[in-house]
All heavy atoms as atom14 arrays in JSON, in Angstrom:
{
  "sequence": "KGTGQRLSVVLAQAISPDDPVITGLRAGAGVRRVALEADGVTVTV",
  "atom14_mask": [
    [1, 1, 1, 1, 1, 1, 1, 1, 1, 0, 0, 0, 0, 0],
    [1, 1, 1, 1, 0, 0, 0, 0, 0, 0, 0, 0, 0, 0],
    [1, 1, 1, 1, 1, 1, 1, 0, 0, 0, 0, 0, 0, 0],
    [1, 1, 1, 1, 0, 0, 0, 0, 0, 0, 0, 0, 0, 0],
    [1, 1, 1, 1, 1, 1, 1, 1, 1, 0, 0, 0, 0, 0],
    [1, 1, 1, 1, 1, 1, 1, 1, 1, 1, 1, 0, 0, 0],
    [1, 1, 1, 1, 1, 1, 1, 1, 0, 0, 0, 0, 0, 0],
    [1, 1, 1, 1, 1, 1, 0, 0, 0, 0, 0, 0, 0, 0],
    [1, 1, 1, 1, 1, 1, 1, 0, 0, 0, 0, 0, 0, 0],
    [1, 1, 1, 1, 1, 1, 1, 0, 0, 0, 0, 0, 0, 0],
    [1, 1, 1, 1, 1, 1, 1, 1, 0, 0, 0, 0, 0, 0],
    [1, 1, 1, 1, 1, 0, 0, 0, 0, 0, 0, 0, 0, 0],
    [1, 1, 1, 1, 1, 1, 1, 1, 1, 0, 0, 0, 0, 0],
    [1, 1, 1, 1, 1, 0, 0, 0, 0, 0, 0, 0, 0, 0],
    [1, 1, 1, 1, 1, 1, 1, 1, 0, 0, 0, 0, 0, 0],
    [1, 1, 1, 1, 1, 1, 0, 0, 0, 0, 0, 0, 0, 0],
    [1, 1, 1, 1, 1, 1, 1, 0, 0, 0, 0, 0, 0, 0],
    [1, 1, 1, 1, 1, 1, 1, 1, 0, 0, 0, 0, 0, 0],
    [1, 1, 1, 1, 1, 1, 1, 1, 0, 0, 0, 0, 0, 0],
    [1, 1, 1, 1, 1, 1, 1, 0, 0, 0, 0, 0, 0, 0],
    [1, 1, 1, 1, 1, 1, 1, 0, 0, 0, 0, 0, 0, 0],
    [1, 1, 1, 1, 1, 1, 1, 1, 0, 0, 0, 0, 0, 0],
    [1, 1, 1, 1, 1, 1, 1, 0, 0, 0, 0, 0, 0, 0],
    [1, 1, 1, 1, 0, 0, 0, 0, 0, 0, 0, 0, 0, 0],
    [1, 1, 1, 1, 1, 1, 1, 1, 0, 0, 0, 0, 0, 0],
    [1, 1, 1, 1, 1, 1, 1, 1, 1, 1, 1, 0, 0, 0],
    [1, 1, 1, 1, 1, 0, 0, 0, 0, 0, 0, 0, 0, 0],
    [1, 1, 1, 1, 0, 0, 0, 0, 0, 0, 0, 0, 0, 0],
    [1, 1, 1, 1, 1, 0, 0, 0, 0, 0, 0, 0, 0, 0],
    [1, 1, 1, 1, 0, 0, 0, 0, 0, 0, 0, 0, 0, 0],
    [1, 1, 1, 1, 1, 1, 1, 0, 0, 0, 0, 0, 0, 0],
    [1, 1, 1, 1, 1, 1, 1, 1, 1, 1, 1, 0, 0, 0],
    [1, 1, 1, 1, 1, 1, 1, 1, 1, 1, 1, 0, 0, 0],
    [1, 1, 1, 1, 1, 1, 1, 0, 0, 0, 0, 0, 0, 0],
    [1, 1, 1, 1, 1, 0, 0, 0, 0, 0, 0, 0, 0, 0],
    [1, 1, 1, 1, 1, 1, 1, 1, 0, 0, 0, 0, 0, 0],
    [1, 1, 1, 1, 1, 1, 1, 1, 1, 0, 0, 0, 0, 0],
    [1, 1, 1, 1, 1, 0, 0, 0, 0, 0, 0, 0, 0, 0],
    [1, 1, 1, 1, 1, 1, 1, 1, 0, 0, 0, 0, 0, 0],
    [1, 1, 1, 1, 0, 0, 0, 0, 0, 0, 0, 0, 0, 0],
    [1, 1, 1, 1, 1, 1, 1, 0, 0, 0, 0, 0, 0, 0],
    [1, 1, 1, 1, 1, 1, 1, 0, 0, 0, 0, 0, 0, 0],
    [1, 1, 1, 1, 1, 1, 1, 0, 0, 0, 0, 0, 0, 0],
    [1, 1, 1, 1, 1, 1, 1, 0, 0, 0, 0, 0, 0, 0],
    [1, 1, 1, 1, 1, 1, 1, 0, 0, 0, 0, 0, 0, 0]
  ],
  "atom14_positions": [
    [[-20.14, 61.41, -40.79], [-20.89, 62.65, -41.09], [-20.73, 63.22, -42.47], [-21.34, 63.99, -42.94], [-20.56, 63.75, -40.06], [-21.0, 63.48, -38.64], [-20.5, 64.41, -37.6], [-20.37, 65.82, -38.14], [-19.86, 66.77, -37.11], [0.0, 0.0, 0.0], [0.0, 0.0, 0.0], [0.0, 0.0, 0.0], [0.0, 0.0, 0.0], [0.0, 0.0, 0.0]],
    [[-19.75, 62.58, -43.19], [-19.43, 63.09, -44.53], [-18.81, 64.45, -44.58], [-18.9, 65.15, -45.51], [0.0, 0.0, 0.0], [0.0, 0.0, 0.0], [0.0, 0.0, 0.0], [0.0, 0.0, 0.0], [0.0, 0.0, 0.0], [0.0, 0.0, 0.0], [0.0, 0.0, 0.0], [0.0, 0.0, 0.0], [0.0, 0.0, 0.0], [0.0, 0.0, 0.0]],
    [[-17.99, 64.73, -43.5], [-17.4, 66.05, -43.51], [-16.53, 66.38, -44.67], [-16.38, 67.48, -45.11], [-16.64, 66.18, -42.18], [-17.52, 65.95, -41.04], [-15.98, 67.58, -41.97], [0.0, 0.0, 0.0], [0.0, 0.0, 0.0], [0.0, 0.0, 0.0], [0.0, 0.0, 0.0], [0.0, 0.0, 0.0], [0.0, 0.0, 0.0], [0.0, 0.0, 0.0]],
    [[-15.83, 65.3, -45.08], [-14.87, 65.52, -46.23], [-15.51, 65.74, -47.59], [-14.81, 66.08, -48.48], [0.0, 0.0, 0.0], [0.0, 0.0, 0.0], [0.0, 0.0, 0.0], [0.0, 0.0, 0.0], [0.0, 0.0, 0.0], [0.0, 0.0, 0.0], [0.0, 0.0, 0.0], [0.0, 0.0, 0.0], [0.0, 0.0, 0.0], [0.0, 0.0, 0.0]],
    [[-16.79, 65.45, -47.74], [-17.27, 65.49, -49.04], [-18.69, 66.35, -49.15], [-19.3, 66.2, -50.2], [-17.49, 64.13, -49.63], [-16.16, 63.48, -49.92], [-16.23, 62.1, -50.5], [-16.31, 61.16, -49.87], [-16.26, 62.1, -51.79], [0.0, 0.0, 0.0], [0.0, 0.0, 0.0], [0.0, 0.0, 0.0], [0.0, 0.0, 0.0], [0.0, 0.0, 0.0]],
    [[-19.03, 66.95, -48.15], [-20.32, 67.64, -48.22], [-20.22, 69.03, -47.56], [-19.53, 69.3, -46.59], [-21.33, 66.91, -47.39], [-22.67, 67.55, -47.38], [-23.67, 66.78, -46.56], [-24.82, 66.51, -47.42], [-25.55, 65.46, -47.45], [-25.34, 64.5, -46.55], [-26.56, 65.33, -48.25], [0.0, 0.0, 0.0], [0.0, 0.0, 0.0], [0.0, 0.0, 0.0]],
    [[-20.81, 70.06, -48.21], [-20.8, 71.42, -47.87], [-22.19, 71.95, -47.86], [-22.9, 71.71, -48.87], [-19.92, 72.18, -48.87], [-19.84, 73.68, -48.71], [-19.02, 74.06, -47.51], [-19.25, 74.35, -49.99], [0.0, 0.0, 0.0], [0.0, 0.0, 0.0], [0.0, 0.0, 0.0], [0.0, 0.0, 0.0], [0.0, 0.0, 0.0], [0.0, 0.0, 0.0]],
    [[-22.6, 72.59, -46.8], [-23.93, 73.38, -46.85], [-23.65, 74.76, -46.58], [-22.92, 75.2, -45.7], [-24.77, 72.77, -45.67], [-25.1, 71.39, -45.88], [0.0, 0.0, 0.0], [0.0, 0.0, 0.0], [0.0, 0.0, 0.0], [0.0, 0.0, 0.0], [0.0, 0.0, 0.0], [0.0, 0.0, 0.0], [0.0, 0.0, 0.0], [0.0, 0.0, 0.0]],
    [[-24.27, 75.55, -47.53], [-24.18, 77.05, -47.43], [-25.55, 77.58, -47.14], [-26.54, 77.31, -47.79], [-23.64, 77.63, -48.64], [-23.52, 79.1, -48.54], [-22.35, 76.96, -49.15], [0.0, 0.0, 0.0], [0.0, 0.0, 0.0], [0.0, 0.0, 0.0], [0.0, 0.0, 0.0], [0.0, 0.0, 0.0], [0.0, 0.0, 0.0], [0.0, 0.0, 0.0]],
    [[-25.68, 78.41, -46.03], [-26.95, 79.04, -45.61], [-26.87, 80.52, -46.13], [-26.0, 81.21, -45.78], [-27.2, 78.94, -44.2], [-28.53, 79.62, -43.8], [-27.19, 77.49, -43.62], [0.0, 0.0, 0.0], [0.0, 0.0, 0.0], [0.0, 0.0, 0.0], [0.0, 0.0, 0.0], [0.0, 0.0, 0.0], [0.0, 0.0, 0.0], [0.0, 0.0, 0.0]],
    [[-27.94, 80.81, -46.98], [-27.91, 82.14, -47.61], [-28.83, 83.05, -46.72], [-29.68, 82.56, -45.99], [-28.46, 82.05, -48.97], [-27.66, 81.22, -49.89], [-28.37, 81.04, -51.27], [-26.24, 81.78, -50.16], [0.0, 0.0, 0.0], [0.0, 0.0, 0.0], [0.0, 0.0, 0.0], [0.0, 0.0, 0.0], [0.0, 0.0, 0.0], [0.0, 0.0, 0.0]],
    [[-28.63, 84.33, -46.86], [-29.54, 85.37, -46.15], [-30.92, 85.34, -46.71], [-31.83, 85.62, -45.93], [-28.88, 86.69, -46.17], [0.0, 0.0, 0.0], [0.0, 0.0, 0.0], [0.0, 0.0, 0.0], [0.0, 0.0, 0.0], [0.0, 0.0, 0.0], [0.0, 0.0, 0.0], [0.0, 0.0, 0.0], [0.0, 0.0, 0.0], [0.0, 0.0, 0.0]],
    [[-31.11, 85.11, -48.06], [-32.46, 85.11, -48.59], [-32.54, 83.91, -49.5], [-31.58, 83.47, -50.11], [-32.63, 86.37, -49.4], [-32.65, 87.64, -48.56], [-32.89, 88.86, -49.45], [-32.78, 88.84, -50.64], [-33.34, 89.93, -48.79], [0.0, 0.0, 0.0], [0.0, 0.0, 0.0], [0.0, 0.0, 0.0], [0.0, 0.0, 0.0], [0.0, 0.0, 0.0]],
    [[-33.79, 83.45, -49.61], [-34.11, 82.29, -50.45], [-33.83, 82.64, -51.94], [-34.01, 83.76, -52.44], [-35.57, 81.85, -50.29], [0.0, 0.0, 0.0], [0.0, 0.0, 0.0], [0.0, 0.0, 0.0], [0.0, 0.0, 0.0], [0.0, 0.0, 0.0], [0.0, 0.0, 0.0], [0.0, 0.0, 0.0], [0.0, 0.0, 0.0], [0.0, 0.0, 0.0]],
    [[-33.37, 81.62, -52.62], [-33.19, 81.8, -54.07], [-33.93, 80.64, -54.82], [-34.39, 79.67, -54.23], [-31.64, 81.67, -54.53], [-31.12, 80.4, -54.17], [-30.91, 82.76, -53.9], [-29.68, 80.21, -54.72], [0.0, 0.0, 0.0], [0.0, 0.0, 0.0], [0.0, 0.0, 0.0], [0.0, 0.0, 0.0], [0.0, 0.0, 0.0], [0.0, 0.0, 0.0]],
    [[-34.12, 80.83, -56.07], [-34.95, 79.86, -56.92], [-34.07, 78.7, -57.37], [-32.82, 78.9, -57.54], [-35.4, 80.68, -58.08], [-35.82, 79.69, -59.1], [0.0, 0.0, 0.0], [0.0, 0.0, 0.0], [0.0, 0.0, 0.0], [0.0, 0.0, 0.0], [0.0, 0.0, 0.0], [0.0, 0.0, 0.0], [0.0, 0.0, 0.0], [0.0, 0.0, 0.0]],
    [[-34.59, 77.53, -57.49], [-33.85, 76.35, -57.97], [-33.3, 76.68, -59.45], [-32.4, 76.01, -59.86], [-34.86, 75.26, -58.08], [-36.0, 75.65, -57.16], [-35.95, 77.17, -57.11], [0.0, 0.0, 0.0], [0.0, 0.0, 0.0], [0.0, 0.0, 0.0], [0.0, 0.0, 0.0], [0.0, 0.0, 0.0], [0.0, 0.0, 0.0], [0.0, 0.0, 0.0]],
    [[-33.99, 77.61, -60.14], [-33.57, 77.92, -61.5], [-32.54, 79.04, -61.53], [-32.11, 79.44, -62.61], [-34.77, 78.37, -62.32], [-35.85, 77.25, -62.37], [-35.41, 76.06, -62.41], [-36.98, 77.59, -62.42], [0.0, 0.0, 0.0], [0.0, 0.0, 0.0], [0.0, 0.0, 0.0], [0.0, 0.0, 0.0], [0.0, 0.0, 0.0], [0.0, 0.0, 0.0]],
    [[-32.04, 79.61, -60.41], [-31.08, 80.64, -60.36], [-29.86, 80.16, -61.11], [-29.32, 79.02, -60.99], [-30.77, 80.92, -58.87], [-29.91, 82.13, -58.79], [-28.78, 82.13, -59.29], [-30.24, 83.06, -58.15], [0.0, 0.0, 0.0], [0.0, 0.0, 0.0], [0.0, 0.0, 0.0], [0.0, 0.0, 0.0], [0.0, 0.0, 0.0], [0.0, 0.0, 0.0]],
    [[-29.31, 81.01, -62.01], [-28.16, 80.62, -62.79], [-26.92, 80.16, -61.9], [-26.19, 79.33, -62.42], [-27.79, 81.96, -63.52], [-29.03, 82.74, -63.54], [-29.8, 82.4, -62.35], [0.0, 0.0, 0.0], [0.0, 0.0, 0.0], [0.0, 0.0, 0.0], [0.0, 0.0, 0.0], [0.0, 0.0, 0.0], [0.0, 0.0, 0.0], [0.0, 0.0, 0.0]],
    [[-26.78, 80.68, -60.76], [-25.65, 80.27, -59.88], [-25.76, 78.8, -59.56], [-24.84, 77.99, -59.55], [-25.41, 81.13, -58.72], [-26.48, 80.93, -57.65], [-24.08, 81.01, -58.13], [0.0, 0.0, 0.0], [0.0, 0.0, 0.0], [0.0, 0.0, 0.0], [0.0, 0.0, 0.0], [0.0, 0.0, 0.0], [0.0, 0.0, 0.0], [0.0, 0.0, 0.0]],
    [[-26.98, 78.29, -59.3], [-27.27, 76.94, -58.97], [-26.94, 76.07, -60.11], [-26.26, 74.97, -60.07], [-28.71, 76.66, -58.47], [-29.03, 77.46, -57.22], [-28.99, 75.11, -58.32], [-28.21, 77.0, -56.05], [0.0, 0.0, 0.0], [0.0, 0.0, 0.0], [0.0, 0.0, 0.0], [0.0, 0.0, 0.0], [0.0, 0.0, 0.0], [0.0, 0.0, 0.0]],
    [[-27.4, 76.47, -61.36], [-27.08, 75.7, -62.63], [-25.57, 75.66, -62.79], [-25.02, 74.62, -63.16], [-27.75, 76.4, -63.79], [-29.13, 76.51, -63.52], [-27.54, 75.63, -65.03], [0.0, 0.0, 0.0], [0.0, 0.0, 0.0], [0.0, 0.0, 0.0], [0.0, 0.0, 0.0], [0.0, 0.0, 0.0], [0.0, 0.0, 0.0], [0.0, 0.0, 0.0]],
    [[-24.91, 76.83, -62.55], [-23.46, 76.85, -62.73], [-22.74, 75.93, -61.84], [-21.71, 75.31, -62.07], [0.0, 0.0, 0.0], [0.0, 0.0, 0.0], [0.0, 0.0, 0.0], [0.0, 0.0, 0.0], [0.0, 0.0, 0.0], [0.0, 0.0, 0.0], [0.0, 0.0, 0.0], [0.0, 0.0, 0.0], [0.0, 0.0, 0.0], [0.0, 0.0, 0.0]],
    [[-23.19, 75.89, -60.53], [-22.57, 74.93, -59.49], [-22.69, 73.5, -59.9], [-21.76, 72.78, -59.69], [-23.16, 75.25, -58.11], [-22.89, 76.59, -57.44], [-23.72, 76.71, -56.13], [-21.46, 76.81, -57.21], [0.0, 0.0, 0.0], [0.0, 0.0, 0.0], [0.0, 0.0, 0.0], [0.0, 0.0, 0.0], [0.0, 0.0, 0.0], [0.0, 0.0, 0.0]],
    [[-23.82, 73.14, -60.47], [-24.02, 71.76, -60.89], [-23.07, 71.34, -61.95], [-22.69, 70.24, -62.02], [-25.48, 71.54, -61.38], [-26.46, 71.68, -60.25], [-27.82, 71.25, -60.67], [-28.73, 71.21, -59.56], [-29.81, 71.92, -59.41], [-30.1, 72.77, -60.25], [-30.51, 71.71, -58.28], [0.0, 0.0, 0.0], [0.0, 0.0, 0.0], [0.0, 0.0, 0.0]],
    [[-22.53, 72.32, -62.76], [-21.66, 72.0, -63.88], [-20.23, 72.04, -63.4], [-19.26, 71.8, -64.07], [-21.84, 72.94, -65.03], [0.0, 0.0, 0.0], [0.0, 0.0, 0.0], [0.0, 0.0, 0.0], [0.0, 0.0, 0.0], [0.0, 0.0, 0.0], [0.0, 0.0, 0.0], [0.0, 0.0, 0.0], [0.0, 0.0, 0.0], [0.0, 0.0, 0.0]],
    [[-19.99, 72.46, -62.13], [-18.56, 72.58, -61.61], [-17.79, 71.34, -61.55], [-18.29, 70.27, -61.3], [0.0, 0.0, 0.0], [0.0, 0.0, 0.0], [0.0, 0.0, 0.0], [0.0, 0.0, 0.0], [0.0, 0.0, 0.0], [0.0, 0.0, 0.0], [0.0, 0.0, 0.0], [0.0, 0.0, 0.0], [0.0, 0.0, 0.0], [0.0, 0.0, 0.0]],
    [[-16.41, 71.5, -61.87], [-15.58, 70.38, -61.75], [-15.47, 69.84, -60.28], [-15.3, 70.66, -59.4], [-14.22, 70.79, -62.23], [0.0, 0.0, 0.0], [0.0, 0.0, 0.0], [0.0, 0.0, 0.0], [0.0, 0.0, 0.0], [0.0, 0.0, 0.0], [0.0, 0.0, 0.0], [0.0, 0.0, 0.0], [0.0, 0.0, 0.0], [0.0, 0.0, 0.0]],
    [[-15.57, 68.61, -60.18], [-15.44, 68.04, -58.84], [-16.78, 67.94, -58.04], [-16.84, 67.42, -56.95], [0.0, 0.0, 0.0], [0.0, 0.0, 0.0], [0.0, 0.0, 0.0], [0.0, 0.0, 0.0], [0.0, 0.0, 0.0], [0.0, 0.0, 0.0], [0.0, 0.0, 0.0], [0.0, 0.0, 0.0], [0.0, 0.0, 0.0], [0.0, 0.0, 0.0]],
    [[-17.82, 68.53, -58.63], [-19.18, 68.45, -57.91], [-19.9, 67.25, -58.35], [-20.12, 66.98, -59.45], [-19.89, 69.72, -58.27], [-21.31, 69.74, -57.61], [-19.09, 71.02, -57.74], [0.0, 0.0, 0.0], [0.0, 0.0, 0.0], [0.0, 0.0, 0.0], [0.0, 0.0, 0.0], [0.0, 0.0, 0.0], [0.0, 0.0, 0.0], [0.0, 0.0, 0.0]],
    [[-20.37, 66.49, -57.3], [-21.13, 65.3, -57.55], [-22.64, 65.63, -57.67], [-23.35, 65.23, -58.54], [-21.0, 64.19, -56.46], [-21.85, 63.08, -56.65], [-21.79, 62.06, -55.54], [-20.38, 61.73, -55.28], [-19.97, 61.33, -54.08], [-20.86, 61.13, -53.07], [-18.71, 61.1, -53.86], [0.0, 0.0, 0.0], [0.0, 0.0, 0.0], [0.0, 0.0, 0.0]],
    [[-23.08, 66.51, -56.68], [-24.52, 66.89, -56.64], [-24.66, 68.25, -55.95], [-23.95, 68.55, -55.03], [-25.2, 65.8, -55.81], [-26.73, 65.98, -55.73], [-27.45, 64.76, -54.96], [-27.25, 64.99, -53.58], [-28.2, 65.63, -52.83], [-29.21, 66.17, -53.41], [-28.06, 65.76, -51.52], [0.0, 0.0, 0.0], [0.0, 0.0, 0.0], [0.0, 0.0, 0.0]],
    [[-25.57, 69.01, -56.44], [-26.0, 70.27, -55.83], [-27.5, 70.13, -55.59], [-28.27, 69.87, -56.49], [-25.67, 71.48, -56.74], [-26.18, 72.75, -56.06], [-24.14, 71.61, -56.99], [0.0, 0.0, 0.0], [0.0, 0.0, 0.0], [0.0, 0.0, 0.0], [0.0, 0.0, 0.0], [0.0, 0.0, 0.0], [0.0, 0.0, 0.0], [0.0, 0.0, 0.0]],
    [[-27.94, 70.5, -54.35], [-29.3, 70.51, -53.94], [-29.63, 71.79, -53.29], [-28.94, 72.25, -52.39], [-29.64, 69.31, -53.05], [0.0, 0.0, 0.0], [0.0, 0.0, 0.0], [0.0, 0.0, 0.0], [0.0, 0.0, 0.0], [0.0, 0.0, 0.0], [0.0, 0.0, 0.0], [0.0, 0.0, 0.0], [0.0, 0.0, 0.0], [0.0, 0.0, 0.0]],
    [[-30.8, 72.42, -53.68], [-31.37, 73.52, -52.92], [-32.42, 72.93, -52.09], [-33.36, 72.46, -52.52], [-31.83, 74.58, -53.95], [-32.4, 75.81, -53.37], [-31.34, 76.64, -52.59], [-33.04, 76.76, -54.47], [0.0, 0.0, 0.0], [0.0, 0.0, 0.0], [0.0, 0.0, 0.0], [0.0, 0.0, 0.0], [0.0, 0.0, 0.0], [0.0, 0.0, 0.0]],
    [[-32.23, 73.12, -50.79], [-33.24, 72.63, -49.79], [-34.57, 73.29, -50.0], [-34.65, 74.4, -50.57], [-32.64, 72.67, -48.35], [-31.36, 72.07, -48.2], [-31.35, 70.56, -48.41], [-32.35, 69.86, -48.16], [-30.3, 70.14, -48.92], [0.0, 0.0, 0.0], [0.0, 0.0, 0.0], [0.0, 0.0, 0.0], [0.0, 0.0, 0.0], [0.0, 0.0, 0.0]],
    [[-35.62, 72.65, -49.45], [-36.98, 73.24, -49.59], [-37.08, 74.64, -49.08], [-37.92, 75.48, -49.57], [-37.93, 72.29, -48.84], [0.0, 0.0, 0.0], [0.0, 0.0, 0.0], [0.0, 0.0, 0.0], [0.0, 0.0, 0.0], [0.0, 0.0, 0.0], [0.0, 0.0, 0.0], [0.0, 0.0, 0.0], [0.0, 0.0, 0.0], [0.0, 0.0, 0.0]],
    [[-36.29, 75.04, -48.1], [-36.3, 76.41, -47.57], [-35.9, 77.46, -48.5], [-36.09, 78.64, -48.32], [-35.62, 76.49, -46.23], [-34.11, 76.18, -46.27], [-33.54, 76.04, -47.44], [-33.45, 76.03, -45.21], [0.0, 0.0, 0.0], [0.0, 0.0, 0.0], [0.0, 0.0, 0.0], [0.0, 0.0, 0.0], [0.0, 0.0, 0.0], [0.0, 0.0, 0.0]],
    [[-35.16, 77.02, -49.56], [-34.68, 77.93, -50.57], [-33.34, 78.74, -50.1], [-32.79, 79.51, -50.87], [0.0, 0.0, 0.0], [0.0, 0.0, 0.0], [0.0, 0.0, 0.0], [0.0, 0.0, 0.0], [0.0, 0.0, 0.0], [0.0, 0.0, 0.0], [0.0, 0.0, 0.0], [0.0, 0.0, 0.0], [0.0, 0.0, 0.0], [0.0, 0.0, 0.0]],
    [[-33.0, 78.59, -48.82], [-31.85, 79.36, -48.42], [-30.58, 78.38, -48.1], [-29.49, 78.82, -47.88], [-32.13, 80.06, -47.06], [-33.14, 81.21, -47.31], [-32.51, 79.19, -45.95], [0.0, 0.0, 0.0], [0.0, 0.0, 0.0], [0.0, 0.0, 0.0], [0.0, 0.0, 0.0], [0.0, 0.0, 0.0], [0.0, 0.0, 0.0], [0.0, 0.0, 0.0]],
    [[-30.79, 77.07, -48.15], [-29.65, 76.15, -47.83], [-29.23, 75.4, -49.19], [-30.12, 74.7, -49.74], [-30.1, 75.14, -46.83], [-30.51, 75.82, -45.64], [-28.85, 74.24, -46.46], [0.0, 0.0, 0.0], [0.0, 0.0, 0.0], [0.0, 0.0, 0.0], [0.0, 0.0, 0.0], [0.0, 0.0, 0.0], [0.0, 0.0, 0.0], [0.0, 0.0, 0.0]],
    [[-28.04, 75.66, -49.57], [-27.48, 75.01, -50.74], [-26.54, 73.89, -50.25], [-25.57, 74.26, -49.48], [-26.75, 76.0, -51.61], [-26.17, 75.32, -52.93], [-27.62, 77.21, -52.03], [0.0, 0.0, 0.0], [0.0, 0.0, 0.0], [0.0, 0.0, 0.0], [0.0, 0.0, 0.0], [0.0, 0.0, 0.0], [0.0, 0.0, 0.0], [0.0, 0.0, 0.0]],
    [[-26.8, 72.72, -50.63], [-25.89, 71.55, -50.3], [-25.22, 71.05, -51.51], [-25.73, 70.84, -52.53], [-26.78, 70.43, -49.7], [-27.55, 70.95, -48.58], [-25.87, 69.31, -49.22], [0.0, 0.0, 0.0], [0.0, 0.0, 0.0], [0.0, 0.0, 0.0], [0.0, 0.0, 0.0], [0.0, 0.0, 0.0], [0.0, 0.0, 0.0], [0.0, 0.0, 0.0]],
    [[-23.86, 70.94, -51.38], [-23.02, 70.61, -52.41], [-22.18, 69.33, -51.97], [-21.62, 69.31, -50.93], [-22.03, 71.7, -52.85], [-21.03, 71.21, -53.97], [-22.76, 72.95, -53.21], [0.0, 0.0, 0.0], [0.0, 0.0, 0.0], [0.0, 0.0, 0.0], [0.0, 0.0, 0.0], [0.0, 0.0, 0.0], [0.0, 0.0, 0.0], [0.0, 0.0, 0.0]]
  ]
}
């Protein structure tokens, strides 16, 4: 299931793929990939 290397965070409200926090997460140390799901509320790291 990839439990050791994948994290999904569900937000209360949708955010934009251009949101600065998404950009910042992508630059984080140890982060391979950050994806904002189509619903705009699920961030997968």
